[in-house]
Amino acid sequence: TPIREFLERSASTSNHSSRPAGWWQRLRHRLATN
């Protein structure tokens, strides 16, 4: 499931320069719950 979510994330939201602040921390928490 987390692999599919990563693969299907749009190119725009996967662009490093467009990440909102705290994105990595929120993703790690979401992956942990999965």
PDB file of all heavy atoms in Angstrom:
ATOM      1  N   THR A   1       0.814  -1.221   0.000  1.00  0.00           N
ATOM      2  CA  THR A   1       0.000   0.000   0.000  1.00  0.00           C
ATOM      3  C   THR A   1       0.844   1.267   0.000  1.00  0.00           C
ATOM      4  O   THR A   1       0.617   2.167  -0.830  1.00  0.00           O
ATOM      5  CB  THR A   1      -0.982   0.008   1.175  1.00  0.00           C
ATOM      6  OG1 THR A   1      -1.912  -1.076   1.015  1.00  0.00           O
ATOM      7  CG2 THR A   1      -1.756   1.316   1.252  1.00  0.00           C
ATOM      8  N   PRO A   2       1.835   1.412   0.885  1.00  0.00           N
ATOM      9  CA  PRO A   2       2.653   2.632   0.816  1.00  0.00           C
ATOM     10  C   PRO A   2       3.464   2.736  -0.468  1.00  0.00           C
ATOM     11  O   PRO A   2       3.724   3.833  -0.953  1.00  0.00           O
ATOM     12  CB  PRO A   2       3.558   2.542   2.051  1.00  0.00           C
ATOM     13  CG  PRO A   2       3.538   1.114   2.458  1.00  0.00           C
ATOM     14  CD  PRO A   2       2.198   0.589   2.060  1.00  0.00           C
ATOM     15  N   ILE A   3       3.852   1.589  -1.042  1.00  0.00           N
ATOM     16  CA  ILE A   3       4.570   1.614  -2.323  1.00  0.00           C
ATOM     17  C   ILE A   3       3.643   2.135  -3.413  1.00  0.00           C
ATOM     18  O   ILE A   3       4.028   2.987  -4.231  1.00  0.00           O
ATOM     19  CB  ILE A   3       5.108   0.215  -2.672  1.00  0.00           C
ATOM     20  CG1 ILE A   3       6.195  -0.200  -1.674  1.00  0.00           C
ATOM     21  CG2 ILE A   3       5.645   0.184  -4.103  1.00  0.00           C
ATOM     22  CD1 ILE A   3       6.685  -1.616  -1.855  1.00  0.00           C
ATOM     23  N   ARG A   4       2.404   1.640  -3.444  1.00  0.00           N
ATOM     24  CA  ARG A   4       1.456   2.113  -4.450  1.00  0.00           C
ATOM     25  C   ARG A   4       1.212   3.615  -4.305  1.00  0.00           C
ATOM     26  O   ARG A   4       1.169   4.356  -5.293  1.00  0.00           O
ATOM     27  CB  ARG A   4       0.129   1.369  -4.339  1.00  0.00           C
ATOM     28  CG  ARG A   4      -0.857   1.762  -5.458  1.00  0.00           C
ATOM     29  CD  ARG A   4      -2.284   1.305  -5.200  1.00  0.00           C
ATOM     30  NE  ARG A   4      -2.353  -0.132  -4.991  1.00  0.00           N
ATOM     31  CZ  ARG A   4      -2.597  -0.701  -3.814  1.00  0.00           C
ATOM     32  NH1 ARG A   4      -2.765   0.059  -2.740  1.00  0.00           N
ATOM     33  NH2 ARG A   4      -2.657  -1.999  -3.705  1.00  0.00           N
ATOM     34  N   GLU A   5       1.060   4.082  -3.077  1.00  0.00           N
ATOM     35  CA  GLU A   5       0.830   5.505  -2.857  1.00  0.00           C
ATOM     36  C   GLU A   5       2.010   6.326  -3.362  1.00  0.00           C
ATOM     37  O   GLU A   5       1.829   7.388  -3.973  1.00  0.00           O
ATOM     38  CB  GLU A   5       0.592   5.772  -1.375  1.00  0.00           C
ATOM     39  CG  GLU A   5      -0.726   5.200  -0.860  1.00  0.00           C
ATOM     40  CD  GLU A   5      -0.919   5.436   0.619  1.00  0.00           C
ATOM     41  OE1 GLU A   5       0.003   5.998   1.261  1.00  0.00           O
ATOM     42  OE2 GLU A   5      -1.984   5.060   1.148  1.00  0.00           O
ATOM     43  N   PHE A   6       3.214   5.832  -3.131  1.00  0.00           N
ATOM     44  CA  PHE A   6       4.408   6.531  -3.619  1.00  0.00           C
ATOM     45  C   PHE A   6       4.443   6.535  -5.142  1.00  0.00           C
ATOM     46  O   PHE A   6       4.733   7.559  -5.778  1.00  0.00           O
ATOM     47  CB  PHE A   6       5.655   5.862  -3.058  1.00  0.00           C
ATOM     48  CG  PHE A   6       6.944   6.335  -3.669  1.00  0.00           C
ATOM     49  CD1 PHE A   6       7.515   7.545  -3.295  1.00  0.00           C
ATOM     50  CD2 PHE A   6       7.600   5.571  -4.631  1.00  0.00           C
ATOM     51  CE1 PHE A   6       8.703   7.989  -3.863  1.00  0.00           C
ATOM     52  CE2 PHE A   6       8.789   6.000  -5.201  1.00  0.00           C
ATOM     53  CZ  PHE A   6       9.334   7.217  -4.813  1.00  0.00           C
ATOM     54  N   LEU A   7       4.152   5.395  -5.759  1.00  0.00           N
ATOM     55  CA  LEU A   7       4.216   5.293  -7.215  1.00  0.00           C
ATOM     56  C   LEU A   7       3.160   6.160  -7.890  1.00  0.00           C
ATOM     57  O   LEU A   7       3.393   6.692  -8.988  1.00  0.00           O
ATOM     58  CB  LEU A   7       4.035   3.837  -7.652  1.00  0.00           C
ATOM     59  CG  LEU A   7       5.143   2.855  -7.289  1.00  0.00           C
ATOM     60  CD1 LEU A   7       4.733   1.435  -7.661  1.00  0.00           C
ATOM     61  CD2 LEU A   7       6.452   3.219  -7.979  1.00  0.00           C
ATOM     62  N   GLU A   8       2.015   6.297  -7.259  1.00  0.00           N
ATOM     63  CA  GLU A   8       0.908   6.993  -7.904  1.00  0.00           C
ATOM     64  C   GLU A   8       0.834   8.471  -7.538  1.00  0.00           C
ATOM     65  O   GLU A   8      -0.047   9.182  -8.045  1.00  0.00           O
ATOM     66  CB  GLU A   8      -0.408   6.289  -7.560  1.00  0.00           C
ATOM     67  CG  GLU A   8      -0.470   4.877  -8.133  1.00  0.00           C
ATOM     68  CD  GLU A   8      -1.770   4.147  -7.835  1.00  0.00           C
ATOM     69  OE1 GLU A   8      -2.592   4.696  -7.065  1.00  0.00           O
ATOM     70  OE2 GLU A   8      -1.966   3.027  -8.375  1.00  0.00           O
ATOM     71  N   ARG A   9       1.743   8.913  -6.690  1.00  0.00           N
ATOM     72  CA  ARG A   9       1.769  10.339  -6.382  1.00  0.00           C
ATOM     73  C   ARG A   9       2.108  11.109  -7.644  1.00  0.00           C
ATOM     74  O   ARG A   9       2.990  10.720  -8.408  1.00  0.00           O
ATOM     75  CB  ARG A   9       2.805  10.612  -5.288  1.00  0.00           C
ATOM     76  CG  ARG A   9       2.695  11.982  -4.642  1.00  0.00           C
ATOM     77  CD  ARG A   9       3.608  12.073  -3.440  1.00  0.00           C
ATOM     78  NE  ARG A   9       3.281  11.036  -2.468  1.00  0.00           N
ATOM     79  CZ  ARG A   9       4.146  10.153  -2.001  1.00  0.00           C
ATOM     80  NH1 ARG A   9       5.391  10.165  -2.428  1.00  0.00           N
ATOM     81  NH2 ARG A   9       3.774   9.252  -1.126  1.00  0.00           N
ATOM     82  N   SER A  10       1.424  12.201  -7.881  1.00  0.00           N
ATOM     83  CA  SER A  10       1.617  12.954  -9.123  1.00  0.00           C
ATOM     84  C   SER A  10       3.028  13.514  -9.191  1.00  0.00           C
ATOM     85  O   SER A  10       3.692  13.739  -8.177  1.00  0.00           O
ATOM     86  CB  SER A  10       0.609  14.092  -9.218  1.00  0.00           C
ATOM     87  OG  SER A  10       0.883  15.090  -8.258  1.00  0.00           O
ATOM     88  N   ALA A  11       3.473  13.753 -10.412  1.00  0.00           N
ATOM     89  CA  ALA A  11       4.817  14.287 -10.615  1.00  0.00           C
ATOM     90  C   ALA A  11       4.984  15.630  -9.936  1.00  0.00           C
ATOM     91  O   ALA A  11       6.042  15.952  -9.403  1.00  0.00           O
ATOM     92  CB  ALA A  11       5.110  14.407 -12.110  1.00  0.00           C
ATOM     93  N   SER A  12       3.924  16.442  -9.914  1.00  0.00           N
ATOM     94  CA  SER A  12       4.039  17.774  -9.320  1.00  0.00           C
ATOM     95  C   SER A  12       4.255  17.699  -7.824  1.00  0.00           C
ATOM     96  O   SER A  12       5.073  18.428  -7.257  1.00  0.00           O
ATOM     97  CB  SER A  12       2.781  18.597  -9.617  1.00  0.00           C
ATOM     98  OG  SER A  12       1.630  17.959  -9.077  1.00  0.00           O
ATOM     99  N   THR A  13       3.540  16.780  -7.140  1.00  0.00           N
ATOM    100  CA  THR A  13       3.722  16.674  -5.700  1.00  0.00           C
ATOM    101  C   THR A  13       4.983  15.903  -5.350  1.00  0.00           C
ATOM    102  O   THR A  13       5.410  15.916  -4.205  1.00  0.00           O
ATOM    103  CB  THR A  13       2.518  15.973  -5.044  1.00  0.00           C
ATOM    104  OG1 THR A  13       2.339  14.683  -5.628  1.00  0.00           O
ATOM    105  CG2 THR A  13       1.258  16.785  -5.221  1.00  0.00           C
ATOM    106  N   SER A  14       5.589  15.204  -6.322  1.00  0.00           N
ATOM    107  CA  SER A  14       6.844  14.505  -6.075  1.00  0.00           C
ATOM    108  C   SER A  14       8.052  15.383  -6.352  1.00  0.00           C
ATOM    109  O   SER A  14       9.178  14.988  -6.093  1.00  0.00           O
ATOM    110  CB  SER A  14       6.934  13.251  -6.959  1.00  0.00           C
ATOM    111  OG  SER A  14       5.978  12.297  -6.573  1.00  0.00           O
ATOM    112  N   ASN A  15       7.839  16.569  -6.886  1.00  0.00           N
ATOM    113  CA  ASN A  15       8.941  17.476  -7.180  1.00  0.00           C
ATOM    114  C   ASN A  15       9.536  18.001  -5.891  1.00  0.00           C
ATOM    115  O   ASN A  15       8.837  18.567  -5.052  1.00  0.00           O
ATOM    116  CB  ASN A  15       8.434  18.643  -8.041  1.00  0.00           C
ATOM    117  CG  ASN A  15       9.566  19.506  -8.538  1.00  0.00           C
ATOM    118  OD1 ASN A  15      10.309  20.070  -7.745  1.00  0.00           O
ATOM    119  ND2 ASN A  15       9.694  19.604  -9.847  1.00  0.00           N
ATOM    120  N   HIS A  16      10.836  17.829  -5.711  1.00  0.00           N
ATOM    121  CA  HIS A  16      11.469  18.204  -4.456  1.00  0.00           C
ATOM    122  C   HIS A  16      11.258  19.676  -4.128  1.00  0.00           C
ATOM    123  O   HIS A  16      11.103  20.036  -2.971  1.00  0.00           O
ATOM    124  CB  HIS A  16      12.971  17.900  -4.526  1.00  0.00           C
ATOM    125  CG  HIS A  16      13.263  16.434  -4.477  1.00  0.00           C
ATOM    126  ND1 HIS A  16      14.528  15.936  -4.386  1.00  0.00           N
ATOM    127  CD2 HIS A  16      12.441  15.354  -4.517  1.00  0.00           C
ATOM    128  CE1 HIS A  16      14.492  14.605  -4.373  1.00  0.00           C
ATOM    129  NE2 HIS A  16      13.241  14.244  -4.449  1.00  0.00           N
ATOM    130  N   SER A  17      11.273  20.520  -5.133  1.00  0.00           N
ATOM    131  CA  SER A  17      11.193  21.940  -4.866  1.00  0.00           C
ATOM    132  C   SER A  17       9.813  22.384  -4.427  1.00  0.00           C
ATOM    133  O   SER A  17       9.634  23.485  -3.942  1.00  0.00           O
ATOM    134  CB  SER A  17      11.602  22.729  -6.115  1.00  0.00           C
ATOM    135  OG  SER A  17      10.688  22.460  -7.174  1.00  0.00           O
ATOM    136  N   SER A  18       8.788  21.508  -4.616  1.00  0.00           N
ATOM    137  CA  SER A  18       7.423  21.911  -4.306  1.00  0.00           C
ATOM    138  C   SER A  18       6.911  21.326  -3.004  1.00  0.00           C
ATOM    139  O   SER A  18       5.741  21.444  -2.689  1.00  0.00           O
ATOM    140  CB  SER A  18       6.487  21.496  -5.456  1.00  0.00           C
ATOM    141  OG  SER A  18       6.437  20.086  -5.557  1.00  0.00           O
ATOM    142  N   ARG A  19       7.775  20.663  -2.207  1.00  0.00           N
ATOM    143  CA  ARG A  19       7.311  20.051  -0.974  1.00  0.00           C
ATOM    144  C   ARG A  19       6.923  21.130   0.044  1.00  0.00           C
ATOM    145  O   ARG A  19       7.683  22.059   0.296  1.00  0.00           O
ATOM    146  CB  ARG A  19       8.420  19.205  -0.334  1.00  0.00           C
ATOM    147  CG  ARG A  19       8.978  18.124  -1.251  1.00  0.00           C
ATOM    148  CD  ARG A  19       8.038  16.974  -1.388  1.00  0.00           C
ATOM    149  NE  ARG A  19       8.749  15.844  -1.961  1.00  0.00           N
ATOM    150  CZ  ARG A  19       8.159  14.760  -2.420  1.00  0.00           C
ATOM    151  NH1 ARG A  19       6.877  14.656  -2.374  1.00  0.00           N
ATOM    152  NH2 ARG A  19       8.870  13.770  -2.920  1.00  0.00           N
ATOM    153  N   PRO A  20       5.762  20.980   0.699  1.00  0.00           N
ATOM    154  CA  PRO A  20       5.439  21.886   1.787  1.00  0.00           C
ATOM    155  C   PRO A  20       6.258  21.553   3.017  1.00  0.00           C
ATOM    156  O   PRO A  20       6.748  20.434   3.170  1.00  0.00           O
ATOM    157  CB  PRO A  20       3.948  21.615   2.018  1.00  0.00           C
ATOM    158  CG  PRO A  20       3.738  20.201   1.556  1.00  0.00           C
ATOM    159  CD  PRO A  20       4.692  20.022   0.399  1.00  0.00           C
ATOM    160  N   ALA A  21       6.401  22.513   3.895  1.00  0.00           N
ATOM    161  CA  ALA A  21       7.173  22.286   5.121  1.00  0.00           C
ATOM    162  C   ALA A  21       6.549  21.163   5.926  1.00  0.00           C
ATOM    163  O   ALA A  21       5.325  21.071   6.066  1.00  0.00           O
ATOM    164  CB  ALA A  21       7.194  23.575   5.958  1.00  0.00           C
ATOM    165  N   GLY A  22       7.383  20.277   6.457  1.00  0.00           N
ATOM    166  CA  GLY A  22       6.923  19.180   7.297  1.00  0.00           C
ATOM    167  C   GLY A  22       6.402  17.989   6.521  1.00  0.00           C
ATOM    168  O   GLY A  22       5.894  17.031   7.105  1.00  0.00           O
ATOM    169  N   TRP A  23       6.529  18.010   5.168  1.00  0.00           N
ATOM    170  CA  TRP A  23       6.003  16.912   4.355  1.00  0.00           C
ATOM    171  C   TRP A  23       6.610  15.584   4.753  1.00  0.00           C
ATOM    172  O   TRP A  23       5.910  14.584   4.896  1.00  0.00           O
ATOM    173  CB  TRP A  23       6.295  17.199   2.878  1.00  0.00           C
ATOM    174  CG  TRP A  23       5.806  16.120   1.956  1.00  0.00           C
ATOM    175  CD1 TRP A  23       4.598  16.062   1.347  1.00  0.00           C
ATOM    176  CD2 TRP A  23       6.506  14.945   1.549  1.00  0.00           C
ATOM    177  NE1 TRP A  23       4.499  14.932   0.589  1.00  0.00           N
ATOM    178  CE2 TRP A  23       5.648  14.224   0.691  1.00  0.00           C
ATOM    179  CE3 TRP A  23       7.772  14.423   1.826  1.00  0.00           C
ATOM    180  CZ2 TRP A  23       6.027  13.024   0.119  1.00  0.00           C
ATOM    181  CZ3 TRP A  23       8.131  13.226   1.255  1.00  0.00           C
ATOM    182  CH2 TRP A  23       7.269  12.542   0.417  1.00  0.00           C
ATOM    183  N   TRP A  24       7.939  15.548   4.941  1.00  0.00           N
ATOM    184  CA  TRP A  24       8.627  14.289   5.249  1.00  0.00           C
ATOM    185  C   TRP A  24       8.159  13.712   6.575  1.00  0.00           C
ATOM    186  O   TRP A  24       7.882  12.533   6.705  1.00  0.00           O
ATOM    187  CB  TRP A  24      10.119  14.532   5.251  1.00  0.00           C
ATOM    188  CG  TRP A  24      10.972  13.429   5.836  1.00  0.00           C
ATOM    189  CD1 TRP A  24      11.900  13.538   6.812  1.00  0.00           C
ATOM    190  CD2 TRP A  24      10.986  12.050   5.462  1.00  0.00           C
ATOM    191  NE1 TRP A  24      12.488  12.334   7.070  1.00  0.00           N
ATOM    192  CE2 TRP A  24      11.939  11.401   6.249  1.00  0.00           C
ATOM    193  CE3 TRP A  24      10.272  11.305   4.522  1.00  0.00           C
ATOM    194  CZ2 TRP A  24      12.203  10.058   6.152  1.00  0.00           C
ATOM    195  CZ3 TRP A  24      10.536   9.942   4.429  1.00  0.00           C
ATOM    196  CH2 TRP A  24      11.491   9.349   5.234  1.00  0.00           C
ATOM    197  N   GLN A  25       7.998  14.570   7.590  1.00  0.00           N
ATOM    198  CA  GLN A  25       7.572  14.077   8.891  1.00  0.00           C
ATOM    199  C   GLN A  25       6.155  13.503   8.817  1.00  0.00           C
ATOM    200  O   GLN A  25       5.860  12.455   9.401  1.00  0.00           O
ATOM    201  CB  GLN A  25       7.635  15.205   9.925  1.00  0.00           C
ATOM    202  CG  GLN A  25       9.055  15.609  10.308  1.00  0.00           C
ATOM    203  CD  GLN A  25       9.701  16.513   9.278  1.00  0.00           C
ATOM    204  OE1 GLN A  25       9.057  16.922   8.317  1.00  0.00           O
ATOM    205  NE2 GLN A  25      10.972  16.831   9.489  1.00  0.00           N
ATOM    206  N   ARG A  26       5.266  14.172   8.077  1.00  0.00           N
ATOM    207  CA  ARG A  26       3.893  13.673   7.963  1.00  0.00           C
ATOM    208  C   ARG A  26       3.846  12.358   7.194  1.00  0.00           C
ATOM    209  O   ARG A  26       3.090  11.448   7.531  1.00  0.00           O
ATOM    210  CB  ARG A  26       3.006  14.718   7.273  1.00  0.00           C
ATOM    211  CG  ARG A  26       2.765  15.958   8.134  1.00  0.00           C
ATOM    212  CD  ARG A  26       1.577  16.760   7.588  1.00  0.00           C
ATOM    213  NE  ARG A  26       1.823  17.259   6.251  1.00  0.00           N
ATOM    214  CZ  ARG A  26       2.462  18.407   5.995  1.00  0.00           C
ATOM    215  NH1 ARG A  26       2.926  19.140   7.002  1.00  0.00           N
ATOM    216  NH2 ARG A  26       2.641  18.826   4.757  1.00  0.00           N
ATOM    217  N   LEU A  27       4.662  12.246   6.127  1.00  0.00           N
ATOM    218  CA  LEU A  27       4.679  11.001   5.359  1.00  0.00           C
ATOM    219  C   LEU A  27       5.192   9.845   6.202  1.00  0.00           C
ATOM    220  O   LEU A  27       4.626   8.751   6.189  1.00  0.00           O
ATOM    221  CB  LEU A  27       5.545  11.153   4.112  1.00  0.00           C
ATOM    222  CG  LEU A  27       5.681   9.879   3.266  1.00  0.00           C
ATOM    223  CD1 LEU A  27       4.313   9.462   2.737  1.00  0.00           C
ATOM    224  CD2 LEU A  27       6.650  10.085   2.134  1.00  0.00           C
ATOM    225  N   ARG A  28       6.256  10.076   6.965  1.00  0.00           N
ATOM    226  CA  ARG A  28       6.799   8.997   7.804  1.00  0.00           C
ATOM    227  C   ARG A  28       5.750   8.521   8.792  1.00  0.00           C
ATOM    228  O   ARG A  28       5.604   7.333   9.043  1.00  0.00           O
ATOM    229  CB  ARG A  28       8.049   9.479   8.538  1.00  0.00           C
ATOM    230  CG  ARG A  28       9.234   9.694   7.637  1.00  0.00           C
ATOM    231  CD  ARG A  28      10.501   9.874   8.418  1.00  0.00           C
ATOM    232  NE  ARG A  28      10.896   8.612   9.048  1.00  0.00           N
ATOM    233  CZ  ARG A  28      12.029   8.449   9.723  1.00  0.00           C
ATOM    234  NH1 ARG A  28      12.867   9.449   9.858  1.00  0.00           N
ATOM    235  NH2 ARG A  28      12.319   7.291  10.267  1.00  0.00           N
ATOM    236  N   HIS A  29       4.985   9.481   9.366  1.00  0.00           N
ATOM    237  CA  HIS A  29       3.955   9.079  10.317  1.00  0.00           C
ATOM    238  C   HIS A  29       2.878   8.253   9.621  1.00  0.00           C
ATOM    239  O   HIS A  29       2.424   7.226  10.125  1.00  0.00           O
ATOM    240  CB  HIS A  29       3.338  10.325  10.955  1.00  0.00           C
ATOM    241  CG  HIS A  29       2.159  10.004  11.841  1.00  0.00           C
ATOM    242  ND1 HIS A  29       2.284   9.422  13.086  1.00  0.00           N
ATOM    243  CD2 HIS A  29       0.818  10.167  11.640  1.00  0.00           C
ATOM    244  CE1 HIS A  29       1.099   9.254  13.621  1.00  0.00           C
ATOM    245  NE2 HIS A  29       0.186   9.686  12.766  1.00  0.00           N
ATOM    246  N   ARG A  30       2.454   8.679   8.412  1.00  0.00           N
ATOM    247  CA  ARG A  30       1.412   7.984   7.689  1.00  0.00           C
ATOM    248  C   ARG A  30       1.865   6.587   7.283  1.00  0.00           C
ATOM    249  O   ARG A  30       1.120   5.613   7.385  1.00  0.00           O
ATOM    250  CB  ARG A  30       0.993   8.788   6.460  1.00  0.00           C
ATOM    251  CG  ARG A  30      -0.126   8.152   5.654  1.00  0.00           C
ATOM    252  CD  ARG A  30      -0.836   9.191   4.817  1.00  0.00           C
ATOM    253  NE  ARG A  30       0.101   9.842   3.929  1.00  0.00           N
ATOM    254  CZ  ARG A  30       0.420   9.361   2.726  1.00  0.00           C
ATOM    255  NH1 ARG A  30      -0.086   8.238   2.297  1.00  0.00           N
ATOM    256  NH2 ARG A  30       1.257  10.025   1.935  1.00  0.00           N
ATOM    257  N   LEU A  31       3.109   6.471   6.818  1.00  0.00           N
ATOM    258  CA  LEU A  31       3.630   5.160   6.451  1.00  0.00           C
ATOM    259  C   LEU A  31       3.690   4.239   7.663  1.00  0.00           C
ATOM    260  O   LEU A  31       3.407   3.060   7.583  1.00  0.00           O
ATOM    261  CB  LEU A  31       4.997   5.300   5.810  1.00  0.00           C
ATOM    262  CG  LEU A  31       5.028   5.939   4.418  1.00  0.00           C
ATOM    263  CD1 LEU A  31       6.475   6.089   3.964  1.00  0.00           C
ATOM    264  CD2 LEU A  31       4.231   5.142   3.422  1.00  0.00           C
ATOM    265  N   ALA A  32       4.081   4.804   8.804  1.00  0.00           N
ATOM    266  CA  ALA A  32       4.190   3.983  10.020  1.00  0.00           C
ATOM    267  C   ALA A  32       2.845   3.397  10.392  1.00  0.00           C
ATOM    268  O   ALA A  32       2.733   2.252  10.836  1.00  0.00           O
ATOM    269  CB  ALA A  32       4.750   4.824  11.164  1.00  0.00           C
ATOM    270  N   THR A  33       1.759   4.171  10.204  1.00  0.00           N
ATOM    271  CA  THR A  33       0.449   3.659  10.548  1.00  0.00           C
ATOM    272  C   THR A  33      -0.040   2.591   9.593  1.00  0.00           C
ATOM    273  O   THR A  33      -0.958   1.855   9.888  1.00  0.00           O
ATOM    274  CB  THR A  33      -0.581   4.802  10.576  1.00  0.00           C
ATOM    275  OG1 THR A  33      -0.682   5.370   9.259  1.00  0.00           O
ATOM    276  CG2 THR A  33      -0.184   5.879  11.574  1.00  0.00           C
ATOM    277  N   ASN A  34       0.607   2.471   8.421  1.00  0.00           N
ATOM    278  CA  ASN A  34       0.214   1.470   7.433  1.00  0.00           C
ATOM    279  C   ASN A  34       0.956   0.145   7.608  1.00  0.00           C
ATOM    280  O   ASN A  34       0.725  -0.781   6.856  1.00  0.00           O
ATOM    281  CB  ASN A  34       0.476   1.982   6.008  1.00  0.00           C
ATOM    282  CG  ASN A  34      -0.569   2.970   5.570  1.00  0.00           C
ATOM    283  OD1 ASN A  34      -1.693   2.932   6.062  1.00  0.00           O
ATOM    284  ND2 ASN A  34      -0.199   3.858   4.663  1.00  0.00           N
TER     285      ASN A  34
END
